[in-house]
Amino acid sequence: MALDTVLNKLVQKAMKKVESLGEKVTYTSVVTGEYNAATDSHTTDTIILTNVTAIFEKLLQNEIDSEIRNLVDIKILIAALDLPGIVPVVEDSVTSGSKTYKVKKVDSVPGNSLWILYARRG
């Protein structure tokens, strides 16, 4: 078994263990498809995943730099295996109850087993 597979499974297990600290959210990603020359536009597909476990955290002081100071309200952690086939990108959204957060920056841990999303409400 490859190391990244092992890491992915371990992170997903860890997220399940701390599920009481997290929330079930809906993750929405709009994927750009093929280009249509006749209409001069791209097709888009919307992928919606429900019941995804996410942990919301306040930003740490050392994470607040000039790049994200005015863009981001919160950090959201999601196990990569909970977003099958999705690599998060800027402008994806995470909805928890009536609150929707737009992703403004994406980071991950080595092996891409955990997505760290910096987001703004609204």
PDB file of N, CA and C in Angstrom:
ATOM      1  N   MET A   1       0.847  -1.175   0.000  1.00  0.00           N
ATOM      2  CA  MET A   1       0.000   0.000   0.000  1.00  0.00           C
ATOM      3  C   MET A   1       0.893   1.238   0.000  1.00  0.00           C
ATOM      4  N   ALA A   2       0.616   2.177  -0.892  1.00  0.00           N
ATOM      5  CA  ALA A   2       1.412   3.389  -1.014  1.00  0.00           C
ATOM      6  C   ALA A   2       1.236   4.284   0.214  1.00  0.00           C
ATOM      7  N   LEU A   3       2.274   5.050   0.510  1.00  0.00           N
ATOM      8  CA  LEU A   3       2.250   5.921   1.678  1.00  0.00           C
ATOM      9  C   LEU A   3       1.101   6.917   1.635  1.00  0.00           C
ATOM     10  N   ASP A   4       0.815   7.505   0.450  1.00  0.00           N
ATOM     11  CA  ASP A   4      -0.278   8.479   0.386  1.00  0.00           C
ATOM     12  C   ASP A   4      -1.626   7.839   0.670  1.00  0.00           C
ATOM     13  N   THR A   5      -1.807   6.581   0.287  1.00  0.00           N
ATOM     14  CA  THR A   5      -3.050   5.863   0.583  1.00  0.00           C
ATOM     15  C   THR A   5      -3.193   5.664   2.088  1.00  0.00           C
ATOM     16  N   VAL A   6      -2.096   5.279   2.730  1.00  0.00           N
ATOM     17  CA  VAL A   6      -2.100   5.084   4.183  1.00  0.00           C
ATOM     18  C   VAL A   6      -2.415   6.400   4.888  1.00  0.00           C
ATOM     19  N   LEU A   7      -1.762   7.492   4.458  1.00  0.00           N
ATOM     20  CA  LEU A   7      -2.004   8.801   5.071  1.00  0.00           C
ATOM     21  C   LEU A   7      -3.448   9.240   4.903  1.00  0.00           C
ATOM     22  N   ASN A   8      -3.998   9.049   3.711  1.00  0.00           N
ATOM     23  CA  ASN A   8      -5.394   9.421   3.463  1.00  0.00           C
ATOM     24  C   ASN A   8      -6.338   8.697   4.409  1.00  0.00           C
ATOM     25  N   LYS A   9      -6.121   7.403   4.576  1.00  0.00           N
ATOM     26  CA  LYS A   9      -6.999   6.618   5.454  1.00  0.00           C
ATOM     27  C   LYS A   9      -6.836   7.025   6.913  1.00  0.00           C
ATOM     28  N   LEU A  10      -5.595   7.300   7.338  1.00  0.00           N
ATOM     29  CA  LEU A  10      -5.360   7.727   8.717  1.00  0.00           C
ATOM     30  C   LEU A  10      -6.013   9.072   9.015  1.00  0.00           C
ATOM     31  N   VAL A  11      -5.904  10.001   8.085  1.00  0.00           N
ATOM     32  CA  VAL A  11      -6.525  11.315   8.291  1.00  0.00           C
ATOM     33  C   VAL A  11      -8.040  11.183   8.348  1.00  0.00           C
ATOM     34  N   GLN A  12      -8.606  10.368   7.479  1.00  0.00           N
ATOM     35  CA  GLN A  12     -10.061  10.182   7.496  1.00  0.00           C
ATOM     36  C   GLN A  12     -10.504   9.561   8.821  1.00  0.00           C
ATOM     37  N   LYS A  13      -9.745   8.581   9.323  1.00  0.00           N
ATOM     38  CA  LYS A  13     -10.069   7.977  10.625  1.00  0.00           C
ATOM     39  C   LYS A  13      -9.981   9.007  11.741  1.00  0.00           C
ATOM     40  N   ALA A  14      -8.926   9.829  11.705  1.00  0.00           N
ATOM     41  CA  ALA A  14      -8.753  10.858  12.735  1.00  0.00           C
ATOM     42  C   ALA A  14      -9.913  11.849  12.704  1.00  0.00           C
ATOM     43  N   MET A  15     -10.348  12.229  11.523  1.00  0.00           N
ATOM     44  CA  MET A  15     -11.476  13.162  11.412  1.00  0.00           C
ATOM     45  C   MET A  15     -12.747  12.541  11.980  1.00  0.00           C
ATOM     46  N   LYS A  16     -12.929  11.255  11.776  1.00  0.00           N
ATOM     47  CA  LYS A  16     -14.106  10.577  12.334  1.00  0.00           C
ATOM     48  C   LYS A  16     -14.035  10.550  13.860  1.00  0.00           C
ATOM     49  N   LYS A  17     -12.827  10.391  14.417  1.00  0.00           N
ATOM     50  CA  LYS A  17     -12.654  10.364  15.879  1.00  0.00           C
ATOM     51  C   LYS A  17     -13.003  11.702  16.512  1.00  0.00           C
ATOM     52  N   VAL A  18     -12.718  12.792  15.794  1.00  0.00           N
ATOM     53  CA  VAL A  18     -12.997  14.124  16.348  1.00  0.00           C
ATOM     54  C   VAL A  18     -14.265  14.728  15.755  1.00  0.00           C
ATOM     55  N   GLU A  19     -15.106  13.855  15.205  1.00  0.00           N
ATOM     56  CA  GLU A  19     -16.337  14.304  14.549  1.00  0.00           C
ATOM     57  C   GLU A  19     -17.195  15.178  15.455  1.00  0.00           C
ATOM     58  N   SER A  20     -17.145  14.930  16.757  1.00  0.00           N
ATOM     59  CA  SER A  20     -17.953  15.727  17.678  1.00  0.00           C
ATOM     60  C   SER A  20     -17.488  17.187  17.708  1.00  0.00           C
ATOM     61  N   LEU A  21     -16.254  17.439  17.292  1.00  0.00           N
ATOM     62  CA  LEU A  21     -15.748  18.807  17.221  1.00  0.00           C
ATOM     63  C   LEU A  21     -16.124  19.477  15.907  1.00  0.00           C
ATOM     64  N   GLY A  22     -16.532  18.672  14.947  1.00  0.00           N
ATOM     65  CA  GLY A  22     -16.825  19.181  13.618  1.00  0.00           C
ATOM     66  C   GLY A  22     -18.302  19.308  13.351  1.00  0.00           C
ATOM     67  N   GLU A  23     -18.596  19.558  12.112  1.00  0.00           N
ATOM     68  CA  GLU A  23     -19.972  19.707  11.662  1.00  0.00           C
ATOM     69  C   GLU A  23     -20.139  18.963  10.344  1.00  0.00           C
ATOM     70  N   LYS A  24     -21.357  18.578  10.058  1.00  0.00           N
ATOM     71  CA  LYS A  24     -21.673  18.015   8.754  1.00  0.00           C
ATOM     72  C   LYS A  24     -22.012  19.183   7.831  1.00  0.00           C
ATOM     73  N   VAL A  25     -21.346  19.241   6.698  1.00  0.00           N
ATOM     74  CA  VAL A  25     -21.520  20.359   5.785  1.00  0.00           C
ATOM     75  C   VAL A  25     -21.838  19.859   4.376  1.00  0.00           C
ATOM     76  N   THR A  26     -22.214  20.797   3.537  1.00  0.00           N
ATOM     77  CA  THR A  26     -22.385  20.535   2.110  1.00  0.00           C
ATOM     78  C   THR A  26     -21.241  21.233   1.384  1.00  0.00           C
ATOM     79  N   TYR A  27     -20.537  20.474   0.555  1.00  0.00           N
ATOM     80  CA  TYR A  27     -19.418  21.022  -0.207  1.00  0.00           C
ATOM     81  C   TYR A  27     -19.859  21.159  -1.658  1.00  0.00           C
ATOM     82  N   THR A  28     -19.668  22.348  -2.229  1.00  0.00           N
ATOM     83  CA  THR A  28     -20.069  22.606  -3.610  1.00  0.00           C
ATOM     84  C   THR A  28     -18.863  23.061  -4.418  1.00  0.00           C
ATOM     85  N   SER A  29     -18.642  22.384  -5.545  1.00  0.00           N
ATOM     86  CA  SER A  29     -17.543  22.716  -6.432  1.00  0.00           C
ATOM     87  C   SER A  29     -18.090  22.873  -7.851  1.00  0.00           C
ATOM     88  N   VAL A  30     -17.727  23.981  -8.494  1.00  0.00           N
ATOM     89  CA  VAL A  30     -18.119  24.199  -9.885  1.00  0.00           C
ATOM     90  C   VAL A  30     -16.888  23.937 -10.736  1.00  0.00           C
ATOM     91  N   VAL A  31     -17.003  22.934 -11.603  1.00  0.00           N
ATOM     92  CA  VAL A  31     -15.886  22.497 -12.423  1.00  0.00           C
ATOM     93  C   VAL A  31     -16.079  22.993 -13.851  1.00  0.00           C
ATOM     94  N   THR A  32     -15.052  23.628 -14.386  1.00  0.00           N
ATOM     95  CA  THR A  32     -15.104  24.112 -15.766  1.00  0.00           C
ATOM     96  C   THR A  32     -14.888  22.937 -16.707  1.00  0.00           C
ATOM     97  N   GLY A  33     -15.773  22.837 -17.691  1.00  0.00           N
ATOM     98  CA  GLY A  33     -15.700  21.736 -18.648  1.00  0.00           C
ATOM     99  C   GLY A  33     -15.100  22.168 -19.972  1.00  0.00           C
ATOM    100  N   GLU A  34     -15.639  21.628 -21.035  1.00  0.00           N
ATOM    101  CA  GLU A  34     -15.113  21.855 -22.374  1.00  0.00           C
ATOM    102  C   GLU A  34     -15.471  23.240 -22.902  1.00  0.00           C
ATOM    103  N   TYR A  35     -14.612  23.716 -23.805  1.00  0.00           N
ATOM    104  CA  TYR A  35     -14.838  25.002 -24.448  1.00  0.00           C
ATOM    105  C   TYR A  35     -15.709  24.809 -25.684  1.00  0.00           C
ATOM    106  N   ASN A  36     -16.694  25.687 -25.845  1.00  0.00           N
ATOM    107  CA  ASN A  36     -17.571  25.663 -27.010  1.00  0.00           C
ATOM    108  C   ASN A  36     -17.263  26.911 -27.837  1.00  0.00           C
ATOM    109  N   ALA A  37     -16.604  26.717 -28.977  1.00  0.00           N
ATOM    110  CA  ALA A  37     -16.201  27.843 -29.818  1.00  0.00           C
ATOM    111  C   ALA A  37     -17.406  28.602 -30.364  1.00  0.00           C
ATOM    112  N   ALA A  38     -18.491  27.914 -30.653  1.00  0.00           N
ATOM    113  CA  ALA A  38     -19.683  28.559 -31.213  1.00  0.00           C
ATOM    114  C   ALA A  38     -20.288  29.575 -30.253  1.00  0.00           C
ATOM    115  N   THR A  39     -20.246  29.264 -28.965  1.00  0.00           N
ATOM    116  CA  THR A  39     -20.821  30.177 -27.966  1.00  0.00           C
ATOM    117  C   THR A  39     -19.747  30.964 -27.218  1.00  0.00           C
ATOM    118  N   ASP A  40     -18.478  30.658 -27.523  1.00  0.00           N
ATOM    119  CA  ASP A  40     -17.337  31.298 -26.858  1.00  0.00           C
ATOM    120  C   ASP A  40     -17.447  31.188 -25.335  1.00  0.00           C
ATOM    121  N   SER A  41     -17.807  29.977 -24.885  1.00  0.00           N
ATOM    122  CA  SER A  41     -17.938  29.762 -23.442  1.00  0.00           C
ATOM    123  C   SER A  41     -17.555  28.332 -23.081  1.00  0.00           C
ATOM    124  N   HIS A  42     -17.359  28.131 -21.800  1.00  0.00           N
ATOM    125  CA  HIS A  42     -17.070  26.799 -21.286  1.00  0.00           C
ATOM    126  C   HIS A  42     -18.329  26.223 -20.643  1.00  0.00           C
ATOM    127  N   THR A  43     -18.459  24.921 -20.705  1.00  0.00           N
ATOM    128  CA  THR A  43     -19.533  24.275 -19.945  1.00  0.00           C
ATOM    129  C   THR A  43     -19.082  24.196 -18.493  1.00  0.00           C
ATOM    130  N   THR A  44     -20.031  24.091 -17.599  1.00  0.00           N
ATOM    131  CA  THR A  44     -19.690  23.919 -16.185  1.00  0.00           C
ATOM    132  C   THR A  44     -20.534  22.801 -15.601  1.00  0.00           C
ATOM    133  N   ASP A  45     -19.961  22.120 -14.658  1.00  0.00           N
ATOM    134  CA  ASP A  45     -20.661  21.093 -13.903  1.00  0.00           C
ATOM    135  C   ASP A  45     -20.571  21.467 -12.432  1.00  0.00           C
ATOM    136  N   THR A  46     -21.667  21.326 -11.722  1.00  0.00           N
ATOM    137  CA  THR A  46     -21.679  21.578 -10.294  1.00  0.00           C
ATOM    138  C   THR A  46     -21.688  20.239  -9.576  1.00  0.00           C
ATOM    139  N   ILE A  47     -20.704  20.061  -8.703  1.00  0.00           N
ATOM    140  CA  ILE A  47     -20.615  18.846  -7.902  1.00  0.00           C
ATOM    141  C   ILE A  47     -20.988  19.220  -6.477  1.00  0.00           C
ATOM    142  N   ILE A  48     -21.975  18.525  -5.920  1.00  0.00           N
ATOM    143  CA  ILE A  48     -22.439  18.808  -4.559  1.00  0.00           C
ATOM    144  C   ILE A  48     -22.288  17.541  -3.725  1.00  0.00           C
ATOM    145  N   LEU A  49     -21.528  17.642  -2.654  1.00  0.00           N
ATOM    146  CA  LEU A  49     -21.365  16.530  -1.711  1.00  0.00           C
ATOM    147  C   LEU A  49     -21.984  16.939  -0.386  1.00  0.00           C
ATOM    148  N   THR A  50     -22.869  16.106   0.137  1.00  0.00           N
ATOM    149  CA  THR A  50     -23.517  16.400   1.413  1.00  0.00           C
ATOM    150  C   THR A  50     -22.955  15.504   2.507  1.00  0.00           C
ATOM    151  N   ASN A  51     -23.214  15.890   3.730  1.00  0.00           N
ATOM    152  CA  ASN A  51     -22.831  15.091   4.892  1.00  0.00           C
ATOM    153  C   ASN A  51     -21.316  14.913   5.017  1.00  0.00           C
ATOM    154  N   VAL A  52     -20.565  15.943   4.633  1.00  0.00           N
ATOM    155  CA  VAL A  52     -19.107  15.934   4.714  1.00  0.00           C
ATOM    156  C   VAL A  52     -18.703  16.462   6.089  1.00  0.00           C
ATOM    157  N   THR A  53     -17.816  15.753   6.764  1.00  0.00           N
ATOM    158  CA  THR A  53     -17.345  16.208   8.071  1.00  0.00           C
ATOM    159  C   THR A  53     -16.289  17.293   7.887  1.00  0.00           C
ATOM    160  N   ALA A  54     -16.494  18.431   8.545  1.00  0.00           N
ATOM    161  CA  ALA A  54     -15.554  19.546   8.479  1.00  0.00           C
ATOM    162  C   ALA A  54     -15.334  20.095   9.885  1.00  0.00           C
ATOM    163  N   ILE A  55     -14.129  20.523  10.135  1.00  0.00           N
ATOM    164  CA  ILE A  55     -13.811  21.170  11.400  1.00  0.00           C
ATOM    165  C   ILE A  55     -13.498  22.631  11.103  1.00  0.00           C
ATOM    166  N   PHE A  56     -14.206  23.529  11.767  1.00  0.00           N
ATOM    167  CA  PHE A  56     -14.005  24.965  11.609  1.00  0.00           C
ATOM    168  C   PHE A  56     -13.077  25.451  12.715  1.00  0.00           C
ATOM    169  N   GLU A  57     -12.074  26.222  12.339  1.00  0.00           N
ATOM    170  CA  GLU A  57     -11.108  26.755  13.309  1.00  0.00           C
ATOM    171  C   GLU A  57     -10.885  28.235  13.070  1.00  0.00           C
ATOM    172  N   LYS A  58     -10.601  28.944  14.146  1.00  0.00           N
ATOM    173  CA  LYS A  58     -10.176  30.332  14.003  1.00  0.00           C
ATOM    174  C   LYS A  58      -8.761  30.326  13.438  1.00  0.00           C
ATOM    175  N   LEU A  59      -8.425  31.397  12.752  1.00  0.00           N
ATOM    176  CA  LEU A  59      -7.069  31.520  12.221  1.00  0.00           C
ATOM    177  C   LEU A  59      -6.087  31.767  13.359  1.00  0.00           C
ATOM    178  N   LEU A  60      -4.925  31.150  13.257  1.00  0.00           N
ATOM    179  CA  LEU A  60      -3.856  31.402  14.208  1.00  0.00           C
ATOM    180  C   LEU A  60      -3.157  32.699  13.814  1.00  0.00           C
ATOM    181  N   GLN A  61      -2.569  33.369  14.785  1.00  0.00           N
ATOM    182  CA  GLN A  61      -1.919  34.646  14.518  1.00  0.00           C
ATOM    183  C   GLN A  61      -0.864  34.529  13.417  1.00  0.00           C
ATOM    184  N   ASN A  62      -0.104  33.425  13.412  1.00  0.00           N
ATOM    185  CA  ASN A  62       0.951  33.281  12.402  1.00  0.00           C
ATOM    186  C   ASN A  62       0.403  32.946  11.011  1.00  0.00           C
ATOM    187  N   GLU A  63      -0.896  32.675  10.884  1.00  0.00           N
ATOM    188  CA  GLU A  63      -1.519  32.417   9.589  1.00  0.00           C
ATOM    189  C   GLU A  63      -2.089  33.684   8.961  1.00  0.00           C
ATOM    190  N   ILE A  64      -2.128  34.745   9.743  1.00  0.00           N
ATOM    191  CA  ILE A  64      -2.699  35.997   9.252  1.00  0.00           C
ATOM    192  C   ILE A  64      -1.571  36.834   8.666  1.00  0.00           C
ATOM    193  N   ASP A  65      -1.488  36.835   7.348  1.00  0.00           N
ATOM    194  CA  ASP A  65      -0.497  37.643   6.657  1.00  0.00           C
ATOM    195  C   ASP A  65      -1.213  38.601   5.718  1.00  0.00           C
ATOM    196  N   SER A  66      -0.450  39.410   5.016  1.00  0.00           N
ATOM    197  CA  SER A  66      -1.064  40.412   4.145  1.00  0.00           C
ATOM    198  C   SER A  66      -1.891  39.783   3.028  1.00  0.00           C
ATOM    199  N   GLU A  67      -1.556  38.548   2.655  1.00  0.00           N
ATOM    200  CA  GLU A  67      -2.288  37.879   1.571  1.00  0.00           C
ATOM    201  C   GLU A  67      -3.730  37.564   1.963  1.00  0.00           C
ATOM    202  N   ILE A  68      -3.948  37.128   3.195  1.00  0.00           N
ATOM    203  CA  ILE A  68      -5.297  36.693   3.572  1.00  0.00           C
ATOM    204  C   ILE A  68      -5.968  37.558   4.636  1.00  0.00           C
ATOM    205  N   ARG A  69      -5.278  38.542   5.136  1.00  0.00           N
ATOM    206  CA  ARG A  69      -5.806  39.361   6.232  1.00  0.00           C
ATOM    207  C   ARG A  69      -7.217  39.874   5.957  1.00  0.00           C
ATOM    208  N   ASN A  70      -7.476  40.387   4.773  1.00  0.00           N
ATOM    209  CA  ASN A  70      -8.781  40.967   4.461  1.00  0.00           C
ATOM    210  C   ASN A  70      -9.683  40.037   3.659  1.00  0.00           C
ATOM    211  N   LEU A  71      -9.221  38.821   3.395  1.00  0.00           N
ATOM    212  CA  LEU A  71      -9.990  37.900   2.561  1.00  0.00           C
ATOM    213  C   LEU A  71     -10.695  36.795   3.330  1.00  0.00           C
ATOM    214  N   VAL A  72     -10.190  36.490   4.526  1.00  0.00           N
ATOM    215  CA  VAL A  72     -10.573  35.236   5.169  1.00  0.00           C
ATOM    216  C   VAL A  72     -11.108  35.452   6.573  1.00  0.00           C
ATOM    217  N   ASP A  73     -12.150  34.674   6.921  1.00  0.00           N
ATOM    218  CA  ASP A  73     -12.722  34.703   8.259  1.00  0.00           C
ATOM    219  C   ASP A  73     -12.346  33.467   9.068  1.00  0.00           C
ATOM    220  N   ILE A  74     -12.189  32.321   8.378  1.00  0.00           N
ATOM    221  CA  ILE A  74     -12.133  31.043   9.086  1.00  0.00           C
ATOM    222  C   ILE A  74     -11.303  30.035   8.297  1.00  0.00           C
ATOM    223  N   LYS A  75     -10.840  29.025   9.017  1.00  0.00           N
ATOM    224  CA  LYS A  75     -10.119  27.912   8.406  1.00  0.00           C
ATOM    225  C   LYS A  75     -10.996  26.670   8.553  1.00  0.00           C
ATOM    226  N   ILE A  76     -11.105  25.890   7.471  1.00  0.00           N
ATOM    227  CA  ILE A  76     -11.948  24.695   7.464  1.00  0.00           C
ATOM    228  C   ILE A  76     -11.078  23.499   7.096  1.00  0.00           C
ATOM    229  N   LEU A  77     -11.115  22.454   7.929  1.00  0.00           N
ATOM    230  CA  LEU A  77     -10.343  21.237   7.684  1.00  0.00           C
ATOM    231  C   LEU A  77     -11.275  20.139   7.200  1.00  0.00           C
ATOM    232  N   ILE A  78     -10.910  19.493   6.084  1.00  0.00           N
ATOM    233  CA  ILE A  78     -11.705  18.394   5.529  1.00  0.00           C
ATOM    234  C   ILE A  78     -10.758  17.299   5.053  1.00  0.00           C
ATOM    235  N   ALA A  79     -11.020  16.063   5.459  1.00  0.00           N
ATOM    236  CA  ALA A  79     -10.221  14.933   4.996  1.00  0.00           C
ATOM    237  C   ALA A  79     -10.401  14.782   3.489  1.00  0.00           C
ATOM    238  N   ALA A  80      -9.302  14.549   2.778  1.00  0.00           N
ATOM    239  CA  ALA A  80      -9.355  14.430   1.320  1.00  0.00           C
ATOM    240  C   ALA A  80     -10.285  13.303   0.870  1.00  0.00           C
ATOM    241  N   LEU A  81     -10.316  12.198   1.611  1.00  0.00           N
ATOM    242  CA  LEU A  81     -11.175  11.083   1.219  1.00  0.00           C
ATOM    243  C   LEU A  81     -12.657  11.411   1.361  1.00  0.00           C
ATOM    244  N   ASP A  82     -12.981  12.477   2.103  1.00  0.00           N
ATOM    245  CA  ASP A  82     -14.377  12.899   2.222  1.00  0.00           C
ATOM    246  C   ASP A  82     -14.821  13.756   1.036  1.00  0.00           C
ATOM    247  N   LEU A  83     -13.857  14.100   0.162  1.00  0.00           N
ATOM    248  CA  LEU A  83     -14.164  14.843  -1.061  1.00  0.00           C
ATOM    249  C   LEU A  83     -13.665  14.032  -2.255  1.00  0.00           C
ATOM    250  N   PRO A  84     -14.255  12.865  -2.481  1.00  0.00           N
ATOM    251  CA  PRO A  84     -13.747  11.990  -3.538  1.00  0.00           C
ATOM    252  C   PRO A  84     -13.801  12.638  -4.923  1.00  0.00           C
ATOM    253  N   GLY A  85     -12.663  12.627  -5.586  1.00  0.00           N
ATOM    254  CA  GLY A  85     -12.597  13.164  -6.934  1.00  0.00           C
ATOM    255  C   GLY A  85     -12.540  14.677  -7.017  1.00  0.00           C
ATOM    256  N   ILE A  86     -12.466  15.353  -5.883  1.00  0.00           N
ATOM    257  CA  ILE A  86     -12.458  16.815  -5.877  1.00  0.00           C
ATOM    258  C   ILE A  86     -11.129  17.317  -5.317  1.00  0.00           C
ATOM    259  N   VAL A  87     -10.532  18.231  -6.040  1.00  0.00           N
ATOM    260  CA  VAL A  87      -9.402  18.993  -5.534  1.00  0.00           C
ATOM    261  C   VAL A  87      -9.947  20.398  -5.320  1.00  0.00           C
ATOM    262  N   PRO A  88     -10.062  20.828  -4.075  1.00  0.00           N
ATOM    263  CA  PRO A  88     -10.665  22.140  -3.805  1.00  0.00           C
ATOM    264  C   PRO A  88      -9.940  23.272  -4.532  1.00  0.00           C
ATOM    265  N   VAL A  89     -10.723  24.250  -4.960  1.00  0.00           N
ATOM    266  CA  VAL A  89     -10.179  25.439  -5.617  1.00  0.00           C
ATOM    267  C   VAL A  89     -10.861  26.680  -5.044  1.00  0.00           C
ATOM    268  N   VAL A  90     -10.245  27.812  -5.297  1.00  0.00           N
ATOM    269  CA  VAL A  90     -10.804  29.096  -4.875  1.00  0.00           C
ATOM    270  C   VAL A  90     -12.193  29.248  -5.490  1.00  0.00           C
ATOM    271  N   GLU A  91     -13.123  29.724  -4.689  1.00  0.00           N
ATOM    272  CA  GLU A  91     -14.528  29.959  -5.029  1.00  0.00           C
ATOM    273  C   GLU A  91     -15.424  28.733  -4.892  1.00  0.00           C
ATOM    274  N   ASP A  92     -14.873  27.558  -4.496  1.00  0.00           N
ATOM    275  CA  ASP A  92     -15.753  26.479  -4.064  1.00  0.00           C
ATOM    276  C   ASP A  92     -16.479  26.997  -2.830  1.00  0.00           C
ATOM    277  N   SER A  93     -17.512  26.299  -2.382  1.00  0.00           N
ATOM    278  CA  SER A  93     -18.206  26.769  -1.184  1.00  0.00           C
ATOM    279  C   SER A  93     -18.499  25.630  -0.218  1.00  0.00           C
ATOM    280  N   VAL A  94     -18.586  26.016   1.053  1.00  0.00           N
ATOM    281  CA  VAL A  94     -18.908  25.097   2.140  1.00  0.00           C
ATOM    282  C   VAL A  94     -20.114  25.690   2.862  1.00  0.00           C
ATOM    283  N   THR A  95     -21.180  24.892   3.000  1.00  0.00           N
ATOM    284  CA  THR A  95     -22.384  25.374   3.655  1.00  0.00           C
ATOM    285  C   THR A  95     -22.638  24.576   4.923  1.00  0.00           C
ATOM    286  N   SER A  96     -22.797  25.296   6.018  1.00  0.00           N
ATOM    287  CA  SER A  96     -23.101  24.699   7.312  1.00  0.00           C
ATOM    288  C   SER A  96     -24.348  25.390   7.839  1.00  0.00           C
ATOM    289  N   GLY A  97     -25.453  24.641   7.876  1.00  0.00           N
ATOM    290  CA  GLY A  97     -26.726  25.251   8.275  1.00  0.00           C
ATOM    291  C   GLY A  97     -27.099  26.338   7.291  1.00  0.00           C
ATOM    292  N   SER A  98     -27.285  27.558   7.784  1.00  0.00           N
ATOM    293  CA  SER A  98     -27.646  28.673   6.912  1.00  0.00           C
ATOM    294  C   SER A  98     -26.436  29.518   6.508  1.00  0.00           C
ATOM    295  N   LYS A  99     -25.245  29.115   6.944  1.00  0.00           N
ATOM    296  CA  LYS A  99     -24.032  29.879   6.653  1.00  0.00           C
ATOM    297  C   LYS A  99     -23.281  29.254   5.481  1.00  0.00           C
ATOM    298  N   THR A 100     -22.917  30.101   4.519  1.00  0.00           N
ATOM    299  CA  THR A 100     -22.127  29.640   3.378  1.00  0.00           C
ATOM    300  C   THR A 100     -20.796  30.381   3.376  1.00  0.00           C
ATOM    301  N   TYR A 101     -19.732  29.624   3.170  1.00  0.00           N
ATOM    302  CA  TYR A 101     -18.377  30.158   3.138  1.00  0.00           C
ATOM    303  C   TYR A 101     -17.781  29.915   1.759  1.00  0.00           C
ATOM    304  N   LYS A 102     -17.168  30.952   1.177  1.00  0.00           N
ATOM    305  CA  LYS A 102     -16.475  30.832  -0.106  1.00  0.00           C
ATOM    306  C   LYS A 102     -14.995  30.595   0.161  1.00  0.00           C
ATOM    307  N   VAL A 103     -14.440  29.598  -0.503  1.00  0.00           N
ATOM    308  CA  VAL A 103     -13.028  29.282  -0.349  1.00  0.00           C
ATOM    309  C   VAL A 103     -12.203  30.366  -1.040  1.00  0.00           C
ATOM    310  N   LYS A 104     -11.227  30.907  -0.308  1.00  0.00           N
ATOM    311  CA  LYS A 104     -10.368  31.972  -0.835  1.00  0.00           C
ATOM    312  C   LYS A 104      -8.926  31.522  -1.009  1.00  0.00           C
ATOM    313  N   LYS A 105      -8.550  30.457  -0.307  1.00  0.00           N
ATOM    314  CA  LYS A 105      -7.187  29.919  -0.401  1.00  0.00           C
ATOM    315  C   LYS A 105      -7.241  28.449  -0.023  1.00  0.00           C
ATOM    316  N   VAL A 106      -6.433  27.625  -0.683  1.00  0.00           N
ATOM    317  CA  VAL A 106      -6.413  26.183  -0.417  1.00  0.00           C
ATOM    318  C   VAL A 106      -4.987  25.754  -0.098  1.00  0.00           C
ATOM    319  N   ASP A 107      -4.839  25.020   0.992  1.00  0.00           N
ATOM    320  CA  ASP A 107      -3.575  24.383   1.359  1.00  0.00           C
ATOM    321  C   ASP A 107      -3.867  22.925   1.667  1.00  0.00           C
ATOM    322  N   SER A 108      -2.814  22.152   1.781  1.00  0.00           N
ATOM    323  CA  SER A 108      -2.975  20.757   2.193  1.00  0.00           C
ATOM    324  C   SER A 108      -1.743  20.341   2.979  1.00  0.00           C
ATOM    325  N   VAL A 109      -1.836  19.183   3.595  1.00  0.00           N
ATOM    326  CA  VAL A 109      -0.680  18.616   4.276  1.00  0.00           C
ATOM    327  C   VAL A 109       0.037  17.713   3.277  1.00  0.00           C
ATOM    328  N   PRO A 110       1.279  17.323   3.570  1.00  0.00           N
ATOM    329  CA  PRO A 110       1.981  16.429   2.643  1.00  0.00           C
ATOM    330  C   PRO A 110       1.144  15.188   2.318  1.00  0.00           C
ATOM    331  N   GLY A 111       1.123  14.835   1.057  1.00  0.00           N
ATOM    332  CA  GLY A 111       0.330  13.700   0.609  1.00  0.00           C
ATOM    333  C   GLY A 111      -1.099  14.063   0.281  1.00  0.00           C
ATOM    334  N   ASN A 112      -1.455  15.351   0.453  1.00  0.00           N
ATOM    335  CA  ASN A 112      -2.824  15.830   0.163  1.00  0.00           C
ATOM    336  C   ASN A 112      -3.894  14.998   0.857  1.00  0.00           C
ATOM    337  N   SER A 113      -3.640  14.582   2.080  1.00  0.00           N
ATOM    338  CA  SER A 113      -4.619  13.781   2.807  1.00  0.00           C
ATOM    339  C   SER A 113      -5.614  14.635   3.589  1.00  0.00           C
ATOM    340  N   LEU A 114      -5.282  15.908   3.782  1.00  0.00           N
ATOM    341  CA  LEU A 114      -6.140  16.826   4.520  1.00  0.00           C
ATOM    342  C   LEU A 114      -6.151  18.157   3.791  1.00  0.00           C
ATOM    343  N   TRP A 115      -7.349  18.636   3.467  1.00  0.00           N
ATOM    344  CA  TRP A 115      -7.481  19.945   2.834  1.00  0.00           C
ATOM    345  C   TRP A 115      -7.662  20.997   3.915  1.00  0.00           C
ATOM    346  N   ILE A 116      -6.917  22.078   3.792  1.00  0.00           N
ATOM    347  CA  ILE A 116      -7.022  23.236   4.689  1.00  0.00           C
ATOM    348  C   ILE A 116      -7.548  24.374   3.838  1.00  0.00           C
ATOM    349  N   LEU A 117      -8.793  24.738   4.100  1.00  0.00           N
ATOM    350  CA  LEU A 117      -9.464  25.751   3.295  1.00  0.00           C
ATOM    351  C   LEU A 117      -9.596  27.040   4.103  1.00  0.00           C
ATOM    352  N   TYR A 118      -9.140  28.123   3.542  1.00  0.00           N
ATOM    353  CA  TYR A 118      -9.293  29.434   4.155  1.00  0.00           C
ATOM    354  C   TYR A 118     -10.487  30.076   3.460  1.00  0.00           C
ATOM    355  N   ALA A 119     -11.470  30.492   4.237  1.00  0.00           N
ATOM    356  CA  ALA A 119     -12.740  30.894   3.633  1.00  0.00           C
ATOM    357  C   ALA A 119     -13.306  32.164   4.263  1.00  0.00           C
ATOM    358  N   ARG A 120     -14.218  32.764   3.517  1.00  0.00           N
ATOM    359  CA  ARG A 120     -14.931  33.959   3.988  1.00  0.00           C
ATOM    360  C   ARG A 120     -16.422  33.693   3.895  1.00  0.00           C
ATOM    361  N   ARG A 121     -17.121  34.102   4.949  1.00  0.00           N
ATOM    362  CA  ARG A 121     -18.568  33.947   4.958  1.00  0.00           C
ATOM    363  C   ARG A 121     -19.212  34.946   4.012  1.00  0.00           C
ATOM    364  N   GLY A 122     -20.230  34.457   3.313  1.00  0.00           N
ATOM    365  CA  GLY A 122     -20.970  35.373   2.461  1.00  0.00           C
ATOM    366  C   GLY A 122     -21.106  34.919   1.054  1.00  0.00           C
TER     367      GLY A 122
END
